[in-house]
Full PDB file with SEQRES, HELIX, SHEET, SSBOND, CRYST1, ORIGX, SCALE, CONECT and MASTER records, all heavy atoms in Angstrom:
SEQRES   1 A   40  LEU LEU LEU GLY ARG GLU TYR PRO GLN GLN TRP PRO ALA          
SEQRES   2 A   40  MET ARG THR ALA VAL TRP MET ALA GLU LEU ASP HIS VAL          
SEQRES   3 A   40  HIS ALA GLN VAL ASN VAL GLU GLU TRP ILE MET GLY LYS          
SEQRES   4 A   40  PRO                                                          
HELIX    1 AA1 ASP A   24  VAL A   30  1                                   7    
CRYST1    1.000    1.000    1.000  90.00  90.00  90.00 P 1           1          
ORIGX1      1.000000  0.000000  0.000000        0.00000                         
ORIGX2      0.000000  1.000000  0.000000        0.00000                         
ORIGX3      0.000000  0.000000  1.000000        0.00000                         
SCALE1      1.000000  0.000000  0.000000        0.00000                         
SCALE2      0.000000  1.000000  0.000000        0.00000                         
SCALE3      0.000000  0.000000  1.000000        0.00000                         
ATOM      1  N   LEU A   1     121.328  89.541 100.645  1.00  0.00           N  
ATOM      2  CA  LEU A   1     122.674  89.703 100.103  1.00  0.00           C  
ATOM      3  C   LEU A   1     122.952  91.156  99.731  1.00  0.00           C  
ATOM      4  O   LEU A   1     124.064  91.651  99.891  1.00  0.00           O  
ATOM      5  CB  LEU A   1     122.853  88.806  98.878  1.00  0.00           C  
ATOM      6  CG  LEU A   1     124.251  88.741  98.263  1.00  0.00           C  
ATOM      7  CD1 LEU A   1     125.231  88.073  99.229  1.00  0.00           C  
ATOM      8  CD2 LEU A   1     124.222  87.981  96.940  1.00  0.00           C  
ATOM      9  N   LEU A   2     121.934  91.853  99.252  1.00  0.00           N  
ATOM     10  CA  LEU A   2     122.092  93.264  98.892  1.00  0.00           C  
ATOM     11  C   LEU A   2     122.012  94.168 100.112  1.00  0.00           C  
ATOM     12  O   LEU A   2     122.631  95.233 100.138  1.00  0.00           O  
ATOM     13  CB  LEU A   2     121.022  93.668  97.876  1.00  0.00           C  
ATOM     14  CG  LEU A   2     121.026  92.931  96.541  1.00  0.00           C  
ATOM     15  CD1 LEU A   2     119.939  93.483  95.631  1.00  0.00           C  
ATOM     16  CD2 LEU A   2     122.393  93.059  95.854  1.00  0.00           C  
ATOM     17  N   LEU A   3     121.237  93.752 101.112  1.00  0.00           N  
ATOM     18  CA  LEU A   3     121.103  94.579 102.315  1.00  0.00           C  
ATOM     19  C   LEU A   3     122.318  94.464 103.230  1.00  0.00           C  
ATOM     20  O   LEU A   3     122.574  95.355 104.033  1.00  0.00           O  
ATOM     21  CB  LEU A   3     119.856  94.161 103.094  1.00  0.00           C  
ATOM     22  CG  LEU A   3     118.515  94.356 102.393  1.00  0.00           C  
ATOM     23  CD1 LEU A   3     117.379  93.818 103.257  1.00  0.00           C  
ATOM     24  CD2 LEU A   3     118.277  95.817 102.064  1.00  0.00           C  
ATOM     25  N   GLY A   4     123.039  93.338 103.121  1.00  0.00           N  
ATOM     26  CA  GLY A   4     124.205  93.138 103.977  1.00  0.00           C  
ATOM     27  C   GLY A   4     123.856  92.894 105.425  1.00  0.00           C  
ATOM     28  O   GLY A   4     124.637  93.205 106.321  1.00  0.00           O  
ATOM     29  N   ARG A   5     122.676  92.331 105.683  1.00  0.00           N  
ATOM     30  CA  ARG A   5     122.272  92.061 107.060  1.00  0.00           C  
ATOM     31  C   ARG A   5     121.268  90.924 107.065  1.00  0.00           C  
ATOM     32  O   ARG A   5     120.725  90.534 106.030  1.00  0.00           O  
ATOM     33  CB  ARG A   5     121.656  93.293 107.710  1.00  0.00           C  
ATOM     34  CG  ARG A   5     120.406  93.821 107.005  1.00  0.00           C  
ATOM     35  CD  ARG A   5     119.810  94.992 107.762  1.00  0.00           C  
ATOM     36  NE  ARG A   5     118.718  95.624 107.061  1.00  0.00           N  
ATOM     37  CZ  ARG A   5     117.462  95.170 107.048  1.00  0.00           C  
ATOM     38  NH1 ARG A   5     117.164  94.062 107.689  1.00  0.00           N  
ATOM     39  NH2 ARG A   5     116.522  95.814 106.399  1.00  0.00           N  
ATOM     40  N   GLU A   6     121.011  90.390 108.260  1.00  0.00           N  
ATOM     41  CA  GLU A   6     120.024  89.336 108.411  1.00  0.00           C  
ATOM     42  C   GLU A   6     118.616  89.926 108.386  1.00  0.00           C  
ATOM     43  O   GLU A   6     118.408  91.092 108.728  1.00  0.00           O  
ATOM     44  CB  GLU A   6     120.243  88.597 109.738  1.00  0.00           C  
ATOM     45  CG  GLU A   6     121.564  87.867 109.830  1.00  0.00           C  
ATOM     46  CD  GLU A   6     121.613  86.668 108.909  1.00  0.00           C  
ATOM     47  OE1 GLU A   6     120.534  86.111 108.623  1.00  0.00           O  
ATOM     48  OE2 GLU A   6     122.719  86.306 108.475  1.00  0.00           O  
ATOM     49  N   TYR A   7     117.656  89.092 108.026  1.00  0.00           N  
ATOM     50  CA  TYR A   7     116.268  89.511 108.130  1.00  0.00           C  
ATOM     51  C   TYR A   7     115.838  89.520 109.589  1.00  0.00           C  
ATOM     52  O   TYR A   7     116.322  88.722 110.389  1.00  0.00           O  
ATOM     53  CB  TYR A   7     115.355  88.551 107.369  1.00  0.00           C  
ATOM     54  CG  TYR A   7     115.269  88.847 105.893  1.00  0.00           C  
ATOM     55  CD1 TYR A   7     115.645  87.896 104.957  1.00  0.00           C  
ATOM     56  CD2 TYR A   7     114.802  90.074 105.445  1.00  0.00           C  
ATOM     57  CE1 TYR A   7     115.566  88.161 103.603  1.00  0.00           C  
ATOM     58  CE2 TYR A   7     114.722  90.353 104.093  1.00  0.00           C  
ATOM     59  CZ  TYR A   7     115.098  89.387 103.181  1.00  0.00           C  
ATOM     60  OH  TYR A   7     115.012  89.653 101.849  1.00  0.00           O  
ATOM     61  N   PRO A   8     114.903  90.392 109.934  1.00  0.00           N  
ATOM     62  CA  PRO A   8     114.368  90.357 111.301  1.00  0.00           C  
ATOM     63  C   PRO A   8     113.533  89.104 111.515  1.00  0.00           C  
ATOM     64  O   PRO A   8     113.041  88.501 110.561  1.00  0.00           O  
ATOM     65  CB  PRO A   8     113.483  91.616 111.363  1.00  0.00           C  
ATOM     66  CG  PRO A   8     113.116  91.887 109.939  1.00  0.00           C  
ATOM     67  CD  PRO A   8     114.306  91.465 109.124  1.00  0.00           C  
ATOM     68  N   GLN A   9     113.370  88.694 112.758  1.00  0.00           N  
ATOM     69  CA  GLN A   9     112.570  87.517 113.064  1.00  0.00           C  
ATOM     70  C   GLN A   9     111.097  87.735 112.716  1.00  0.00           C  
ATOM     71  O   GLN A   9     110.418  86.824 112.282  1.00  0.00           O  
ATOM     72  CB  GLN A   9     112.717  87.159 114.547  1.00  0.00           C  
ATOM     73  CG  GLN A   9     114.086  86.621 114.922  1.00  0.00           C  
ATOM     74  CD  GLN A   9     114.415  85.339 114.174  1.00  0.00           C  
ATOM     75  OE1 GLN A   9     113.597  84.430 114.105  1.00  0.00           O  
ATOM     76  NE2 GLN A   9     115.609  85.282 113.602  1.00  0.00           N  
ATOM     77  N   GLN A  10     110.618  88.943 112.912  1.00  0.00           N  
ATOM     78  CA  GLN A  10     109.235  89.248 112.587  1.00  0.00           C  
ATOM     79  C   GLN A  10     109.206  90.151 111.361  1.00  0.00           C  
ATOM     80  O   GLN A  10     109.637  91.293 111.416  1.00  0.00           O  
ATOM     81  CB  GLN A  10     108.539  89.941 113.774  1.00  0.00           C  
ATOM     82  CG  GLN A  10     108.460  89.097 115.036  1.00  0.00           C  
ATOM     83  CD  GLN A  10     107.617  87.859 114.818  1.00  0.00           C  
ATOM     84  OE1 GLN A  10     106.606  87.895 114.114  1.00  0.00           O  
ATOM     85  NE2 GLN A  10     108.017  86.753 115.430  1.00  0.00           N  
ATOM     86  N   TRP A  11     108.702  89.601 110.250  1.00  0.00           N  
ATOM     87  CA  TRP A  11     108.641  90.374 109.010  1.00  0.00           C  
ATOM     88  C   TRP A  11     107.187  90.741 108.725  1.00  0.00           C  
ATOM     89  O   TRP A  11     106.287  89.956 109.009  1.00  0.00           O  
ATOM     90  CB  TRP A  11     109.213  89.557 107.850  1.00  0.00           C  
ATOM     91  CG  TRP A  11     109.549  90.410 106.677  1.00  0.00           C  
ATOM     92  CD1 TRP A  11     108.772  90.644 105.582  1.00  0.00           C  
ATOM     93  CD2 TRP A  11     110.740  91.173 106.483  1.00  0.00           C  
ATOM     94  NE1 TRP A  11     109.410  91.499 104.720  1.00  0.00           N  
ATOM     95  CE2 TRP A  11     110.611  91.838 105.254  1.00  0.00           C  
ATOM     96  CE3 TRP A  11     111.907  91.368 107.239  1.00  0.00           C  
ATOM     97  CZ2 TRP A  11     111.601  92.672 104.753  1.00  0.00           C  
ATOM     98  CZ3 TRP A  11     112.878  92.195 106.731  1.00  0.00           C  
ATOM     99  CH2 TRP A  11     112.739  92.839 105.505  1.00  0.00           C  
ATOM    100  N   PRO A  12     106.926  91.915 108.188  1.00  0.00           N  
ATOM    101  CA  PRO A  12     105.533  92.275 107.889  1.00  0.00           C  
ATOM    102  C   PRO A  12     104.884  91.265 106.951  1.00  0.00           C  
ATOM    103  O   PRO A  12     105.561  90.554 106.220  1.00  0.00           O  
ATOM    104  CB  PRO A  12     105.673  93.656 107.212  1.00  0.00           C  
ATOM    105  CG  PRO A  12     106.989  94.174 107.679  1.00  0.00           C  
ATOM    106  CD  PRO A  12     107.875  92.976 107.851  1.00  0.00           C  
ATOM    107  N   ALA A  13     103.574  91.215 106.959  1.00  0.00           N  
ATOM    108  CA  ALA A  13     102.836  90.291 106.110  1.00  0.00           C  
ATOM    109  C   ALA A  13     103.185  90.524 104.642  1.00  0.00           C  
ATOM    110  O   ALA A  13     103.405  91.663 104.207  1.00  0.00           O  
ATOM    111  CB  ALA A  13     101.331  90.466 106.322  1.00  0.00           C  
ATOM    112  N   MET A  14     103.245  89.435 103.881  1.00  0.00           N  
ATOM    113  CA  MET A  14     103.580  89.522 102.464  1.00  0.00           C  
ATOM    114  C   MET A  14     102.514  90.307 101.707  1.00  0.00           C  
ATOM    115  O   MET A  14     101.325  90.051 101.842  1.00  0.00           O  
ATOM    116  CB  MET A  14     103.691  88.108 101.894  1.00  0.00           C  
ATOM    117  CG  MET A  14     104.009  88.070 100.401  1.00  0.00           C  
ATOM    118  SD  MET A  14     105.634  88.756 100.016  1.00  0.00           S  
ATOM    119  CE  MET A  14     106.705  87.535 100.792  1.00  0.00           C  
ATOM    120  N   ARG A  15     102.953  91.275 100.915  1.00  0.00           N  
ATOM    121  CA  ARG A  15     102.037  92.042 100.085  1.00  0.00           C  
ATOM    122  C   ARG A  15     101.996  91.445  98.686  1.00  0.00           C  
ATOM    123  O   ARG A  15     102.952  90.847  98.229  1.00  0.00           O  
ATOM    124  CB  ARG A  15     102.482  93.503  99.999  1.00  0.00           C  
ATOM    125  CG  ARG A  15     102.473  94.236 101.326  1.00  0.00           C  
ATOM    126  CD  ARG A  15     102.860  95.682 101.149  1.00  0.00           C  
ATOM    127  NE  ARG A  15     104.211  95.824 100.605  1.00  0.00           N  
ATOM    128  CZ  ARG A  15     104.502  96.449  99.475  1.00  0.00           C  
ATOM    129  NH1 ARG A  15     103.552  96.970  98.732  1.00  0.00           N  
ATOM    130  NH2 ARG A  15     105.748  96.550  99.063  1.00  0.00           N  
ATOM    131  N   THR A  16     100.870  91.625  97.988  1.00  0.00           N  
ATOM    132  CA  THR A  16     100.751  91.148  96.622  1.00  0.00           C  
ATOM    133  C   THR A  16     100.169  92.258  95.761  1.00  0.00           C  
ATOM    134  O   THR A  16      99.568  93.209  96.254  1.00  0.00           O  
ATOM    135  CB  THR A  16      99.852  89.907  96.522  1.00  0.00           C  
ATOM    136  OG1 THR A  16      98.548  90.247  96.994  1.00  0.00           O  
ATOM    137  CG2 THR A  16     100.412  88.742  97.326  1.00  0.00           C  
ATOM    138  N   ALA A  17     100.362  92.115  94.461  1.00  0.00           N  
ATOM    139  CA  ALA A  17      99.755  93.021  93.488  1.00  0.00           C  
ATOM    140  C   ALA A  17      98.957  92.186  92.502  1.00  0.00           C  
ATOM    141  O   ALA A  17      99.357  91.074  92.147  1.00  0.00           O  
ATOM    142  CB  ALA A  17     100.833  93.823  92.756  1.00  0.00           C  
ATOM    143  N   VAL A  18      97.820  92.710  92.066  1.00  0.00           N  
ATOM    144  CA  VAL A  18      96.932  91.982  91.164  1.00  0.00           C  
ATOM    145  C   VAL A  18      96.745  92.793  89.894  1.00  0.00           C  
ATOM    146  O   VAL A  18      96.507  93.999  89.937  1.00  0.00           O  
ATOM    147  CB  VAL A  18      95.551  91.732  91.819  1.00  0.00           C  
ATOM    148  CG1 VAL A  18      94.631  90.984  90.866  1.00  0.00           C  
ATOM    149  CG2 VAL A  18      95.707  90.973  93.120  1.00  0.00           C  
ATOM    150  N   TRP A  19      96.888  92.102  88.759  1.00  0.00           N  
ATOM    151  CA  TRP A  19      96.591  92.697  87.463  1.00  0.00           C  
ATOM    152  C   TRP A  19      95.549  91.841  86.777  1.00  0.00           C  
ATOM    153  O   TRP A  19      95.627  90.614  86.798  1.00  0.00           O  
ATOM    154  CB  TRP A  19      97.829  92.758  86.571  1.00  0.00           C  
ATOM    155  CG  TRP A  19      98.886  93.681  87.049  1.00  0.00           C  
ATOM    156  CD1 TRP A  19      99.065  94.993  86.719  1.00  0.00           C  
ATOM    157  CD2 TRP A  19      99.961  93.363  87.941  1.00  0.00           C  
ATOM    158  NE1 TRP A  19     100.164  95.508  87.355  1.00  0.00           N  
ATOM    159  CE2 TRP A  19     100.735  94.529  88.112  1.00  0.00           C  
ATOM    160  CE3 TRP A  19     100.340  92.205  88.616  1.00  0.00           C  
ATOM    161  CZ2 TRP A  19     101.865  94.569  88.920  1.00  0.00           C  
ATOM    162  CZ3 TRP A  19     101.455  92.234  89.427  1.00  0.00           C  
ATOM    163  CH2 TRP A  19     102.198  93.405  89.572  1.00  0.00           C  
ATOM    164  N   MET A  20      94.561  92.472  86.147  1.00  0.00           N  
ATOM    165  CA  MET A  20      93.613  91.719  85.324  1.00  0.00           C  
ATOM    166  C   MET A  20      92.974  92.670  84.326  1.00  0.00           C  
ATOM    167  O   MET A  20      93.035  93.896  84.463  1.00  0.00           O  
ATOM    168  CB  MET A  20      92.552  91.018  86.162  1.00  0.00           C  
ATOM    169  CG  MET A  20      91.621  91.901  86.940  1.00  0.00           C  
ATOM    170  SD  MET A  20      90.303  90.937  87.733  1.00  0.00           S  
ATOM    171  CE  MET A  20      91.232  89.995  88.918  1.00  0.00           C  
ATOM    172  N   ALA A  21      92.372  92.095  83.289  1.00  0.00           N  
ATOM    173  CA  ALA A  21      91.737  92.878  82.246  1.00  0.00           C  
ATOM    174  C   ALA A  21      90.419  93.469  82.740  1.00  0.00           C  
ATOM    175  O   ALA A  21      89.957  93.193  83.849  1.00  0.00           O  
ATOM    176  CB  ALA A  21      91.501  91.993  81.020  1.00  0.00           C  
ATOM    177  N   GLU A  22      89.790  94.267  81.890  1.00  0.00           N  
ATOM    178  CA  GLU A  22      88.500  94.858  82.212  1.00  0.00           C  
ATOM    179  C   GLU A  22      87.474  93.763  82.503  1.00  0.00           C  
ATOM    180  O   GLU A  22      87.372  92.771  81.787  1.00  0.00           O  
ATOM    181  CB  GLU A  22      88.017  95.720  81.033  1.00  0.00           C  
ATOM    182  CG  GLU A  22      86.656  96.334  81.220  1.00  0.00           C  
ATOM    183  CD  GLU A  22      86.585  97.182  82.471  1.00  0.00           C  
ATOM    184  OE1 GLU A  22      87.438  98.054  82.656  1.00  0.00           O  
ATOM    185  OE2 GLU A  22      85.656  96.947  83.272  1.00  0.00           O  
ATOM    186  N   LEU A  23      86.693  93.933  83.569  1.00  0.00           N  
ATOM    187  CA  LEU A  23      85.804  92.867  84.023  1.00  0.00           C  
ATOM    188  C   LEU A  23      84.323  93.161  83.798  1.00  0.00           C  
ATOM    189  O   LEU A  23      83.479  92.303  84.074  1.00  0.00           O  
ATOM    190  CB  LEU A  23      86.019  92.616  85.519  1.00  0.00           C  
ATOM    191  CG  LEU A  23      87.427  92.214  85.949  1.00  0.00           C  
ATOM    192  CD1 LEU A  23      87.471  92.052  87.462  1.00  0.00           C  
ATOM    193  CD2 LEU A  23      87.843  90.923  85.276  1.00  0.00           C  
ATOM    194  N   ASP A  24      83.977  94.328  83.285  1.00  0.00           N  
ATOM    195  CA  ASP A  24      82.564  94.689  83.218  1.00  0.00           C  
ATOM    196  C   ASP A  24      81.750  93.679  82.426  1.00  0.00           C  
ATOM    197  O   ASP A  24      80.642  93.284  82.827  1.00  0.00           O  
ATOM    198  CB  ASP A  24      82.405  96.080  82.591  1.00  0.00           C  
ATOM    199  CG  ASP A  24      82.867  97.181  83.537  1.00  0.00           C  
ATOM    200  OD1 ASP A  24      83.048  96.878  84.738  1.00  0.00           O  
ATOM    201  OD2 ASP A  24      83.037  98.323  83.086  1.00  0.00           O  
ATOM    202  N   HIS A  25      82.282  93.234  81.266  1.00  0.00           N  
ATOM    203  CA  HIS A  25      81.508  92.323  80.432  1.00  0.00           C  
ATOM    204  C   HIS A  25      81.337  90.971  81.112  1.00  0.00           C  
ATOM    205  O   HIS A  25      80.299  90.321  80.976  1.00  0.00           O  
ATOM    206  CB  HIS A  25      82.174  92.145  79.066  1.00  0.00           C  
ATOM    207  CG  HIS A  25      83.501  91.451  79.111  1.00  0.00           C  
ATOM    208  ND1 HIS A  25      84.631  92.046  79.620  1.00  0.00           N  
ATOM    209  CD2 HIS A  25      83.862  90.192  78.731  1.00  0.00           C  
ATOM    210  CE1 HIS A  25      85.639  91.189  79.538  1.00  0.00           C  
ATOM    211  NE2 HIS A  25      85.211  90.062  79.008  1.00  0.00           N  
ATOM    212  N   VAL A  26      82.350  90.542  81.888  1.00  0.00           N  
ATOM    213  CA  VAL A  26      82.241  89.264  82.591  1.00  0.00           C  
ATOM    214  C   VAL A  26      81.264  89.399  83.759  1.00  0.00           C  
ATOM    215  O   VAL A  26      80.463  88.504  84.013  1.00  0.00           O  
ATOM    216  CB  VAL A  26      83.617  88.789  83.078  1.00  0.00           C  
ATOM    217  CG1 VAL A  26      83.499  87.434  83.753  1.00  0.00           C  
ATOM    218  CG2 VAL A  26      84.596  88.711  81.909  1.00  0.00           C  
ATOM    219  N   HIS A  27      81.336  90.515  84.474  1.00  0.00           N  
ATOM    220  CA  HIS A  27      80.375  90.761  85.554  1.00  0.00           C  
ATOM    221  C   HIS A  27      78.946  90.656  85.023  1.00  0.00           C  
ATOM    222  O   HIS A  27      78.076  90.034  85.646  1.00  0.00           O  
ATOM    223  CB  HIS A  27      80.590  92.162  86.135  1.00  0.00           C  
ATOM    224  CG  HIS A  27      81.615  92.216  87.213  1.00  0.00           C  
ATOM    225  ND1 HIS A  27      81.364  91.819  88.505  1.00  0.00           N  
ATOM    226  CD2 HIS A  27      82.912  92.621  87.200  1.00  0.00           C  
ATOM    227  CE1 HIS A  27      82.456  91.984  89.239  1.00  0.00           C  
ATOM    228  NE2 HIS A  27      83.407  92.456  88.464  1.00  0.00           N  
ATOM    229  N   ALA A  28      78.697  91.269  83.869  1.00  0.00           N  
ATOM    230  CA  ALA A  28      77.353  91.276  83.315  1.00  0.00           C  
ATOM    231  C   ALA A  28      76.900  89.871  82.927  1.00  0.00           C  
ATOM    232  O   ALA A  28      75.737  89.513  83.087  1.00  0.00           O  
ATOM    233  CB  ALA A  28      77.304  92.200  82.101  1.00  0.00           C  
ATOM    234  N   GLN A  29      77.809  89.057  82.433  1.00  0.00           N  
ATOM    235  CA  GLN A  29      77.452  87.719  81.963  1.00  0.00           C  
ATOM    236  C   GLN A  29      77.146  86.768  83.120  1.00  0.00           C  
ATOM    237  O   GLN A  29      76.216  85.973  83.047  1.00  0.00           O  
ATOM    238  CB  GLN A  29      78.584  87.133  81.118  1.00  0.00           C  
ATOM    239  CG  GLN A  29      78.741  87.786  79.758  1.00  0.00           C  
ATOM    240  CD  GLN A  29      79.910  87.175  78.994  1.00  0.00           C  
ATOM    241  OE1 GLN A  29      80.435  86.127  79.356  1.00  0.00           O  
ATOM    242  NE2 GLN A  29      80.329  87.845  77.940  1.00  0.00           N  
ATOM    243  N   VAL A  30      77.945  86.823  84.164  1.00  0.00           N  
ATOM    244  CA  VAL A  30      77.831  85.785  85.202  1.00  0.00           C  
ATOM    245  C   VAL A  30      77.282  86.312  86.523  1.00  0.00           C  
ATOM    246  O   VAL A  30      77.131  85.549  87.466  1.00  0.00           O  
ATOM    247  CB  VAL A  30      79.203  85.114  85.443  1.00  0.00           C  
ATOM    248  CG1 VAL A  30      79.720  84.489  84.172  1.00  0.00           C  
ATOM    249  CG2 VAL A  30      80.213  86.108  86.015  1.00  0.00           C  
ATOM    250  N   ASN A  31      76.977  87.607  86.613  1.00  0.00           N  
ATOM    251  CA  ASN A  31      76.390  88.179  87.834  1.00  0.00           C  
ATOM    252  C   ASN A  31      77.251  87.867  89.052  1.00  0.00           C  
ATOM    253  O   ASN A  31      76.784  87.316  90.056  1.00  0.00           O  
ATOM    254  CB  ASN A  31      74.969  87.647  88.036  1.00  0.00           C  
ATOM    255  CG  ASN A  31      74.238  88.372  89.157  1.00  0.00           C  
ATOM    256  OD1 ASN A  31      74.501  89.543  89.436  1.00  0.00           O  
ATOM    257  ND2 ASN A  31      73.314  87.675  89.815  1.00  0.00           N  
ATOM    258  N   VAL A  32      78.525  88.218  88.954  1.00  0.00           N  
ATOM    259  CA  VAL A  32      79.483  87.844  89.983  1.00  0.00           C  
ATOM    260  C   VAL A  32      79.383  88.790  91.186  1.00  0.00           C  
ATOM    261  O   VAL A  32      79.182  89.987  91.035  1.00  0.00           O  
ATOM    262  CB  VAL A  32      80.918  87.858  89.412  1.00  0.00           C  
ATOM    263  CG1 VAL A  32      81.282  89.244  88.901  1.00  0.00           C  
ATOM    264  CG2 VAL A  32      81.924  87.399  90.446  1.00  0.00           C  
ATOM    265  N   GLU A  33      79.490  88.213  92.380  1.00  0.00           N  
ATOM    266  CA  GLU A  33      79.541  89.007  93.604  1.00  0.00           C  
ATOM    267  C   GLU A  33      80.977  89.229  94.063  1.00  0.00           C  
ATOM    268  O   GLU A  33      81.309  90.275  94.597  1.00  0.00           O  
ATOM    269  CB  GLU A  33      78.768  88.282  94.719  1.00  0.00           C  
ATOM    270  CG  GLU A  33      77.282  88.122  94.436  1.00  0.00           C  
ATOM    271  CD  GLU A  33      76.610  87.225  95.457  1.00  0.00           C  
ATOM    272  OE1 GLU A  33      77.304  86.755  96.390  1.00  0.00           O  
ATOM    273  OE2 GLU A  33      75.395  86.988  95.327  1.00  0.00           O  
ATOM    274  N   GLU A  34      81.820  88.214  93.885  1.00  0.00           N  
ATOM    275  CA  GLU A  34      83.204  88.279  94.360  1.00  0.00           C  
ATOM    276  C   GLU A  34      84.063  87.354  93.516  1.00  0.00           C  
ATOM    277  O   GLU A  34      83.645  86.258  93.154  1.00  0.00           O  
ATOM    278  CB  GLU A  34      83.274  87.847  95.834  1.00  0.00           C  
ATOM    279  CG  GLU A  34      84.679  87.852  96.426  1.00  0.00           C  
ATOM    280  CD  GLU A  34      84.698  87.267  97.829  1.00  0.00           C  
ATOM    281  OE1 GLU A  34      83.621  86.908  98.336  1.00  0.00           O  
ATOM    282  OE2 GLU A  34      85.788  87.162  98.399  1.00  0.00           O  
ATOM    283  N   TRP A  35      85.277  87.817  93.195  1.00  0.00           N  
ATOM    284  CA  TRP A  35      86.238  86.979  92.503  1.00  0.00           C  
ATOM    285  C   TRP A  35      87.050  86.196  93.525  1.00  0.00           C  
ATOM    286  O   TRP A  35      87.513  86.746  94.519  1.00  0.00           O  
ATOM    287  CB  TRP A  35      87.195  87.834  91.661  1.00  0.00           C  
ATOM    288  CG  TRP A  35      86.512  88.535  90.538  1.00  0.00           C  
ATOM    289  CD1 TRP A  35      86.011  89.804  90.541  1.00  0.00           C  
ATOM    290  CD2 TRP A  35      86.225  88.005  89.255  1.00  0.00           C  
ATOM    291  NE1 TRP A  35      85.426  90.095  89.342  1.00  0.00           N  
ATOM    292  CE2 TRP A  35      85.547  89.006  88.524  1.00  0.00           C  
ATOM    293  CE3 TRP A  35      86.473  86.782  88.648  1.00  0.00           C  
ATOM    294  CZ2 TRP A  35      85.121  88.824  87.217  1.00  0.00           C  
ATOM    295  CZ3 TRP A  35      86.050  86.588  87.337  1.00  0.00           C  
ATOM    296  CH2 TRP A  35      85.375  87.599  86.648  1.00  0.00           C  
ATOM    297  N   ILE A  36      87.246  84.901  93.265  1.00  0.00           N  
ATOM    298  CA  ILE A  36      88.113  84.053  94.082  1.00  0.00           C  
ATOM    299  C   ILE A  36      89.383  83.834  93.271  1.00  0.00           C  
ATOM    300  O   ILE A  36      89.337  83.286  92.165  1.00  0.00           O  
ATOM    301  CB  ILE A  36      87.457  82.702  94.422  1.00  0.00           C  
ATOM    302  CG1 ILE A  36      86.044  82.928  94.995  1.00  0.00           C  
ATOM    303  CG2 ILE A  36      88.329  81.908  95.379  1.00  0.00           C  
ATOM    304  CD1 ILE A  36      86.013  83.708  96.284  1.00  0.00           C  
ATOM    305  N   MET A  37      90.521  84.263  93.812  1.00  0.00           N  
ATOM    306  CA  MET A  37      91.737  84.320  92.999  1.00  0.00           C  
ATOM    307  C   MET A  37      92.370  82.965  92.727  1.00  0.00           C  
ATOM    308  O   MET A  37      93.266  82.860  91.924  1.00  0.00           O  
ATOM    309  CB  MET A  37      92.766  85.244  93.655  1.00  0.00           C  
ATOM    310  CG  MET A  37      92.376  86.703  93.607  1.00  0.00           C  
ATOM    311  SD  MET A  37      92.178  87.319  91.925  1.00  0.00           S  
ATOM    312  CE  MET A  37      93.858  87.221  91.331  1.00  0.00           C  
ATOM    313  N   GLY A  38      91.923  81.896  93.373  1.00  0.00           N  
ATOM    314  CA  GLY A  38      92.407  80.589  92.970  1.00  0.00           C  
ATOM    315  C   GLY A  38      93.265  79.899  94.004  1.00  0.00           C  
ATOM    316  O   GLY A  38      93.191  80.162  95.195  1.00  0.00           O  
ATOM    317  N   LYS A  39      94.113  78.971  93.519  1.00  0.00           N  
ATOM    318  CA  LYS A  39      94.872  78.085  94.389  1.00  0.00           C  
ATOM    319  C   LYS A  39      96.051  78.807  95.035  1.00  0.00           C  
ATOM    320  O   LYS A  39      96.600  79.748  94.469  1.00  0.00           O  
ATOM    321  CB  LYS A  39      95.401  76.906  93.575  1.00  0.00           C  
ATOM    322  CG  LYS A  39      94.320  76.083  92.901  1.00  0.00           C  
ATOM    323  CD  LYS A  39      94.947  74.987  92.058  1.00  0.00           C  
ATOM    324  CE  LYS A  39      93.876  74.167  91.339  1.00  0.00           C  
ATOM    325  NZ  LYS A  39      94.481  73.122  90.480  1.00  0.00           N  
ATOM    326  N   PRO A  40      96.471  78.342  96.219  1.00  0.00           N  
ATOM    327  CA  PRO A  40      97.719  78.859  96.801  1.00  0.00           C  
ATOM    328  C   PRO A  40      98.914  78.500  95.921  1.00  0.00           C  
ATOM    329  O   PRO A  40      98.870  77.538  95.156  1.00  0.00           O  
ATOM    330  CB  PRO A  40      97.799  78.135  98.153  1.00  0.00           C  
ATOM    331  CG  PRO A  40      96.426  77.627  98.409  1.00  0.00           C  
ATOM    332  CD  PRO A  40      95.808  77.364  97.072  1.00  0.00           C  
TER     333      PRO A  40                                                      
MASTER        0    0    0    1    0    0    0    6  332    1    0    4          
END                                                                             
């Protein structure tokens, strides 16, 4: 509505931004290798 035009048929992949608190103390407690961000 603000652009005044239709969207293209092919749109770039959706980007996301992640915010979280300091993780050092949690890393030390649980020996984490990778965070899984959760449900879709």
